Amino acid sequence: KKFLVFFFSRLRSNQSGRYDDHFPFLSLCGRERNFVRCDDRPLVFTHLLEGTEAEPGAGPERLSYCGGGDRLSAAFRPEALYMHPANGRVYHPAPAPAGAVGLVRSALAIELSPSFLYEEEEGRPEQPTHFLWAGRRHVLTNELAKFFPGGVEGEEEG
């Protein structure tokens, strides 16, 4: 666990000028450079942790990523969950240096899925519009759509 915290807390976008085409991420560990590539996103949220209010406007829950427990976590923002329309994967905001978007592990996404609410909106009935959490109906912001190429309003072309 200690190594995972060390490694993932240093994960950044690869702007070293070396191997950028093949390895979009880099973790600097002392003099060692660890070049990283992945099929989707380098940060994967694996567990929902209960805790105390950590950030204004955020609930007490945190999403833990990459096996780091509470040492690698981000405030859970239910309104910011994003279900990709093409692949059905669920994403959540992550620390900016590591790409700003993390993938929600399939098992956790399945646990959260009953809380997604669907209201037909401009011909997109397959996209959730709200998320029911802690007794509140959160309007999904789709703020993460801009990080993915193609077709959904507000997205940037890749």
C-alpha atoms as a PDB file:
ATOM      1  CA  LYS A   1       0.000   0.000   0.000  1.00  0.00           C
ATOM      2  CA  LYS A   2       2.849   2.370   0.833  1.00  0.00           C
ATOM      3  CA  PHE A   3       4.373   1.920  -2.635  1.00  0.00           C
ATOM      4  CA  LEU A   4       0.998   2.498  -4.337  1.00  0.00           C
ATOM      5  CA  VAL A   5       0.530   5.763  -2.455  1.00  0.00           C
ATOM      6  CA  PHE A   6       4.078   6.825  -3.358  1.00  0.00           C
ATOM      7  CA  PHE A   7       3.687   5.883  -7.038  1.00  0.00           C
ATOM      8  CA  PHE A   8       0.197   7.254  -7.715  1.00  0.00           C
ATOM      9  CA  SER A   9       0.675  10.471  -5.747  1.00  0.00           C
ATOM     10  CA  ARG A  10       3.495  11.308  -8.199  1.00  0.00           C
ATOM     11  CA  LEU A  11       1.608  10.358 -11.369  1.00  0.00           C
ATOM     12  CA  ARG A  12       1.520  13.198 -13.909  1.00  0.00           C
ATOM     13  CA  SER A  13       0.882  13.803 -17.573  1.00  0.00           C
ATOM     14  CA  ASN A  14       4.060  12.946 -19.495  1.00  0.00           C
ATOM     15  CA  GLN A  15       5.468  16.270 -20.619  1.00  0.00           C
ATOM     16  CA  SER A  16       9.079  15.088 -20.457  1.00  0.00           C
ATOM     17  CA  GLY A  17       9.562  15.067 -24.213  1.00  0.00           C
ATOM     18  CA  ARG A  18      10.444  11.373 -24.010  1.00  0.00           C
ATOM     19  CA  TYR A  19       8.106   8.597 -25.149  1.00  0.00           C
ATOM     20  CA  ASP A  20       5.056  10.914 -24.976  1.00  0.00           C
ATOM     21  CA  ASP A  21       3.367   9.184 -27.926  1.00  0.00           C
ATOM     22  CA  HIS A  22       3.470   5.766 -26.282  1.00  0.00           C
ATOM     23  CA  PHE A  23       3.361   6.652 -22.583  1.00  0.00           C
ATOM     24  CA  PRO A  24       0.991   9.552 -21.791  1.00  0.00           C
ATOM     25  CA  PHE A  25       1.701   9.425 -18.035  1.00  0.00           C
ATOM     26  CA  LEU A  26       4.814   9.528 -15.893  1.00  0.00           C
ATOM     27  CA  SER A  27       5.516   8.872 -12.215  1.00  0.00           C
ATOM     28  CA  LEU A  28       8.732  10.392 -10.935  1.00  0.00           C
ATOM     29  CA  CYS A  29      10.228   8.360  -8.114  1.00  0.00           C
ATOM     30  CA  GLY A  30      13.509   9.974  -7.121  1.00  0.00           C
ATOM     31  CA  ARG A  31      15.848   9.780 -10.117  1.00  0.00           C
ATOM     32  CA  GLU A  32      13.742   7.018 -11.653  1.00  0.00           C
ATOM     33  CA  ARG A  33      11.138   7.795 -14.306  1.00  0.00           C
ATOM     34  CA  ASN A  34       8.244   5.353 -14.592  1.00  0.00           C
ATOM     35  CA  PHE A  35       6.484   5.770 -17.919  1.00  0.00           C
ATOM     36  CA  VAL A  36       2.841   4.653 -17.824  1.00  0.00           C
ATOM     37  CA  ARG A  37       0.181   3.774 -20.378  1.00  0.00           C
ATOM     38  CA  CYS A  38      -3.218   2.251 -19.795  1.00  0.00           C
ATOM     39  CA  ASP A  39      -6.259   1.120 -21.745  1.00  0.00           C
ATOM     40  CA  ASP A  40      -8.480   3.846 -20.332  1.00  0.00           C
ATOM     41  CA  ARG A  41      -7.531   6.063 -17.369  1.00  0.00           C
ATOM     42  CA  PRO A  42      -4.558   5.639 -15.006  1.00  0.00           C
ATOM     43  CA  LEU A  43      -6.633   6.283 -11.868  1.00  0.00           C
ATOM     44  CA  VAL A  44      -9.342   3.763 -11.040  1.00  0.00           C
ATOM     45  CA  PHE A  45     -11.732   4.478  -8.190  1.00  0.00           C
ATOM     46  CA  THR A  46     -12.218   1.224  -6.324  1.00  0.00           C
ATOM     47  CA  HIS A  47     -14.056   1.969  -3.055  1.00  0.00           C
ATOM     48  CA  LEU A  48     -16.466   4.459  -1.569  1.00  0.00           C
ATOM     49  CA  LEU A  49     -15.211   5.492   1.875  1.00  0.00           C
ATOM     50  CA  GLU A  50     -17.217   7.120   4.620  1.00  0.00           C
ATOM     51  CA  GLY A  51     -15.557   9.908   6.527  1.00  0.00           C
ATOM     52  CA  THR A  52     -15.924  13.445   7.774  1.00  0.00           C
ATOM     53  CA  GLU A  53     -16.752  16.560   5.793  1.00  0.00           C
ATOM     54  CA  ALA A  54     -13.483  17.300   4.006  1.00  0.00           C
ATOM     55  CA  GLU A  55     -14.356  19.925   1.398  1.00  0.00           C
ATOM     56  CA  PRO A  56     -17.059  22.586   1.286  1.00  0.00           C
ATOM     57  CA  GLY A  57     -20.061  21.403  -0.701  1.00  0.00           C
ATOM     58  CA  ALA A  58     -18.859  17.815  -0.825  1.00  0.00           C
ATOM     59  CA  GLY A  59     -20.475  15.049   1.144  1.00  0.00           C
ATOM     60  CA  PRO A  60     -18.566  13.171   3.781  1.00  0.00           C
ATOM     61  CA  GLU A  61     -17.877  10.273   1.413  1.00  0.00           C
ATOM     62  CA  ARG A  62     -14.627   9.872  -0.505  1.00  0.00           C
ATOM     63  CA  LEU A  63     -13.725   7.703  -3.460  1.00  0.00           C
ATOM     64  CA  SER A  64     -10.537   5.738  -2.948  1.00  0.00           C
ATOM     65  CA  TYR A  65      -8.382   4.984  -5.965  1.00  0.00           C
ATOM     66  CA  CYS A  66      -5.637   2.584  -6.989  1.00  0.00           C
ATOM     67  CA  GLY A  67      -5.543   0.576  -3.765  1.00  0.00           C
ATOM     68  CA  GLY A  68      -4.462   3.515  -1.616  1.00  0.00           C
ATOM     69  CA  GLY A  69      -7.387   3.532   0.806  1.00  0.00           C
ATOM     70  CA  ASP A  70      -7.901   6.875   2.523  1.00  0.00           C
ATOM     71  CA  ARG A  71      -4.360   7.979   1.541  1.00  0.00           C
ATOM     72  CA  LEU A  72      -5.373   8.056  -2.151  1.00  0.00           C
ATOM     73  CA  SER A  73      -8.883   9.471  -2.284  1.00  0.00           C
ATOM     74  CA  ALA A  74     -10.981  12.284  -3.681  1.00  0.00           C
ATOM     75  CA  ALA A  75     -14.151  13.867  -2.339  1.00  0.00           C
ATOM     76  CA  PHE A  76     -17.176  12.068  -3.763  1.00  0.00           C
ATOM     77  CA  ARG A  77     -19.137  14.460  -5.963  1.00  0.00           C
ATOM     78  CA  PRO A  78     -22.314  12.624  -7.016  1.00  0.00           C
ATOM     79  CA  GLU A  79     -23.345  15.384  -9.451  1.00  0.00           C
ATOM     80  CA  ALA A  80     -20.056  14.990 -11.332  1.00  0.00           C
ATOM     81  CA  LEU A  81     -20.414  11.278 -12.121  1.00  0.00           C
ATOM     82  CA  TYR A  82     -20.346  10.787 -15.865  1.00  0.00           C
ATOM     83  CA  MET A  83     -21.610   7.765 -17.757  1.00  0.00           C
ATOM     84  CA  HIS A  84     -19.946   7.633 -21.158  1.00  0.00           C
ATOM     85  CA  PRO A  85     -22.640   7.225 -23.829  1.00  0.00           C
ATOM     86  CA  ALA A  86     -20.567   4.945 -26.086  1.00  0.00           C
ATOM     87  CA  ASN A  87     -18.922   2.526 -23.648  1.00  0.00           C
ATOM     88  CA  GLY A  88     -21.239   2.790 -20.603  1.00  0.00           C
ATOM     89  CA  ARG A  89     -18.306   3.238 -18.225  1.00  0.00           C
ATOM     90  CA  VAL A  90     -18.688   5.554 -15.253  1.00  0.00           C
ATOM     91  CA  TYR A  91     -16.130   8.286 -14.521  1.00  0.00           C
ATOM     92  CA  HIS A  92     -15.514  10.717 -11.667  1.00  0.00           C
ATOM     93  CA  PRO A  93     -13.237  13.764 -11.273  1.00  0.00           C
ATOM     94  CA  ALA A  94      -9.688  12.861 -10.223  1.00  0.00           C
ATOM     95  CA  PRO A  95      -6.628  14.901  -9.253  1.00  0.00           C
ATOM     96  CA  ALA A  96      -5.737  17.224 -12.148  1.00  0.00           C
ATOM     97  CA  PRO A  97      -2.066  16.236 -12.479  1.00  0.00           C
ATOM     98  CA  ALA A  98      -3.086  12.626 -13.204  1.00  0.00           C
ATOM     99  CA  GLY A  99      -5.490  13.543 -15.978  1.00  0.00           C
ATOM    100  CA  ALA A 100      -8.455  15.048 -14.047  1.00  0.00           C
ATOM    101  CA  VAL A 101     -10.677  11.993 -14.769  1.00  0.00           C
ATOM    102  CA  GLY A 102     -10.738   8.614 -13.068  1.00  0.00           C
ATOM    103  CA  LEU A 103     -12.561   5.455 -14.081  1.00  0.00           C
ATOM    104  CA  VAL A 104     -15.013   4.018 -11.561  1.00  0.00           C
ATOM    105  CA  ARG A 105     -14.289   0.302 -11.130  1.00  0.00           C
ATOM    106  CA  SER A 106     -16.993  -1.892 -12.670  1.00  0.00           C
ATOM    107  CA  ALA A 107     -18.009  -3.467  -9.346  1.00  0.00           C
ATOM    108  CA  LEU A 108     -18.409  -0.032  -7.740  1.00  0.00           C
ATOM    109  CA  ALA A 109     -20.242   1.329 -10.799  1.00  0.00           C
ATOM    110  CA  ILE A 110     -22.689  -1.577 -10.519  1.00  0.00           C
ATOM    111  CA  GLU A 111     -23.282  -0.719  -6.834  1.00  0.00           C
ATOM    112  CA  LEU A 112     -23.953   2.914  -7.767  1.00  0.00           C
ATOM    113  CA  SER A 113     -26.034   2.191 -10.867  1.00  0.00           C
ATOM    114  CA  PRO A 114     -29.481   1.952  -9.161  1.00  0.00           C
ATOM    115  CA  SER A 115     -29.037   5.595  -8.121  1.00  0.00           C
ATOM    116  CA  PHE A 116     -28.831   6.870 -11.706  1.00  0.00           C
ATOM    117  CA  LEU A 117     -32.120   8.378 -12.883  1.00  0.00           C
ATOM    118  CA  TYR A 118     -33.075   8.652 -16.539  1.00  0.00           C
ATOM    119  CA  GLU A 119     -35.360  11.319 -17.942  1.00  0.00           C
ATOM    120  CA  GLU A 120     -35.677  11.591 -21.686  1.00  0.00           C
ATOM    121  CA  GLU A 121     -33.744  14.655 -22.652  1.00  0.00           C
ATOM    122  CA  GLU A 122     -33.478  15.784 -26.266  1.00  0.00           C
ATOM    123  CA  GLY A 123     -33.386  12.296 -27.713  1.00  0.00           C
ATOM    124  CA  ARG A 124     -30.853  10.870 -25.235  1.00  0.00           C
ATOM    125  CA  PRO A 125     -32.888   8.443 -23.102  1.00  0.00           C
ATOM    126  CA  GLU A 126     -29.799   6.242 -22.547  1.00  0.00           C
ATOM    127  CA  GLN A 127     -27.935   8.999 -20.691  1.00  0.00           C
ATOM    128  CA  PRO A 128     -28.694   9.471 -16.993  1.00  0.00           C
ATOM    129  CA  THR A 129     -29.773  12.979 -16.058  1.00  0.00           C
ATOM    130  CA  HIS A 130     -29.794  12.745 -12.245  1.00  0.00           C
ATOM    131  CA  PHE A 131     -28.184  10.793  -9.431  1.00  0.00           C
ATOM    132  CA  LEU A 132     -30.047  10.037  -6.208  1.00  0.00           C
ATOM    133  CA  TRP A 133     -27.665  10.194  -3.253  1.00  0.00           C
ATOM    134  CA  ALA A 134     -28.119  10.810   0.475  1.00  0.00           C
ATOM    135  CA  GLY A 135     -31.772  11.697  -0.024  1.00  0.00           C
ATOM    136  CA  ARG A 136     -30.981  14.337  -2.656  1.00  0.00           C
ATOM    137  CA  ARG A 137     -31.617  14.298  -6.370  1.00  0.00           C
ATOM    138  CA  HIS A 138     -28.426  15.648  -7.961  1.00  0.00           C
ATOM    139  CA  VAL A 139     -28.546  16.991 -11.520  1.00  0.00           C
ATOM    140  CA  LEU A 140     -25.632  15.428 -13.404  1.00  0.00           C
ATOM    141  CA  THR A 141     -23.323  18.150 -14.724  1.00  0.00           C
ATOM    142  CA  ASN A 142     -21.597  16.057 -17.433  1.00  0.00           C
ATOM    143  CA  GLU A 143     -18.561  18.253 -16.791  1.00  0.00           C
ATOM    144  CA  LEU A 144     -16.259  15.347 -17.647  1.00  0.00           C
ATOM    145  CA  ALA A 145     -17.662  14.996 -21.187  1.00  0.00           C
ATOM    146  CA  LYS A 146     -15.078  17.501 -22.432  1.00  0.00           C
ATOM    147  CA  PHE A 147     -12.315  14.965 -21.697  1.00  0.00           C
ATOM    148  CA  PHE A 148     -13.713  12.468 -24.216  1.00  0.00           C
ATOM    149  CA  PRO A 149     -13.832  12.824 -27.996  1.00  0.00           C
ATOM    150  CA  GLY A 150     -17.021  12.628 -30.014  1.00  0.00           C
ATOM    151  CA  GLY A 151     -20.637  13.506 -30.288  1.00  0.00           C
ATOM    152  CA  VAL A 152     -22.023  14.631 -26.919  1.00  0.00           C
ATOM    153  CA  GLU A 153     -22.866  18.295 -26.619  1.00  0.00           C
ATOM    154  CA  GLY A 154     -20.066  20.219 -24.945  1.00  0.00           C
ATOM    155  CA  GLU A 155     -17.387  17.646 -25.733  1.00  0.00           C
ATOM    156  CA  GLU A 156     -14.127  18.615 -27.358  1.00  0.00           C
ATOM    157  CA  GLU A 157     -13.002  16.707 -30.402  1.00  0.00           C
ATOM    158  CA  GLY A 158      -9.953  14.534 -29.638  1.00  0.00           C
END
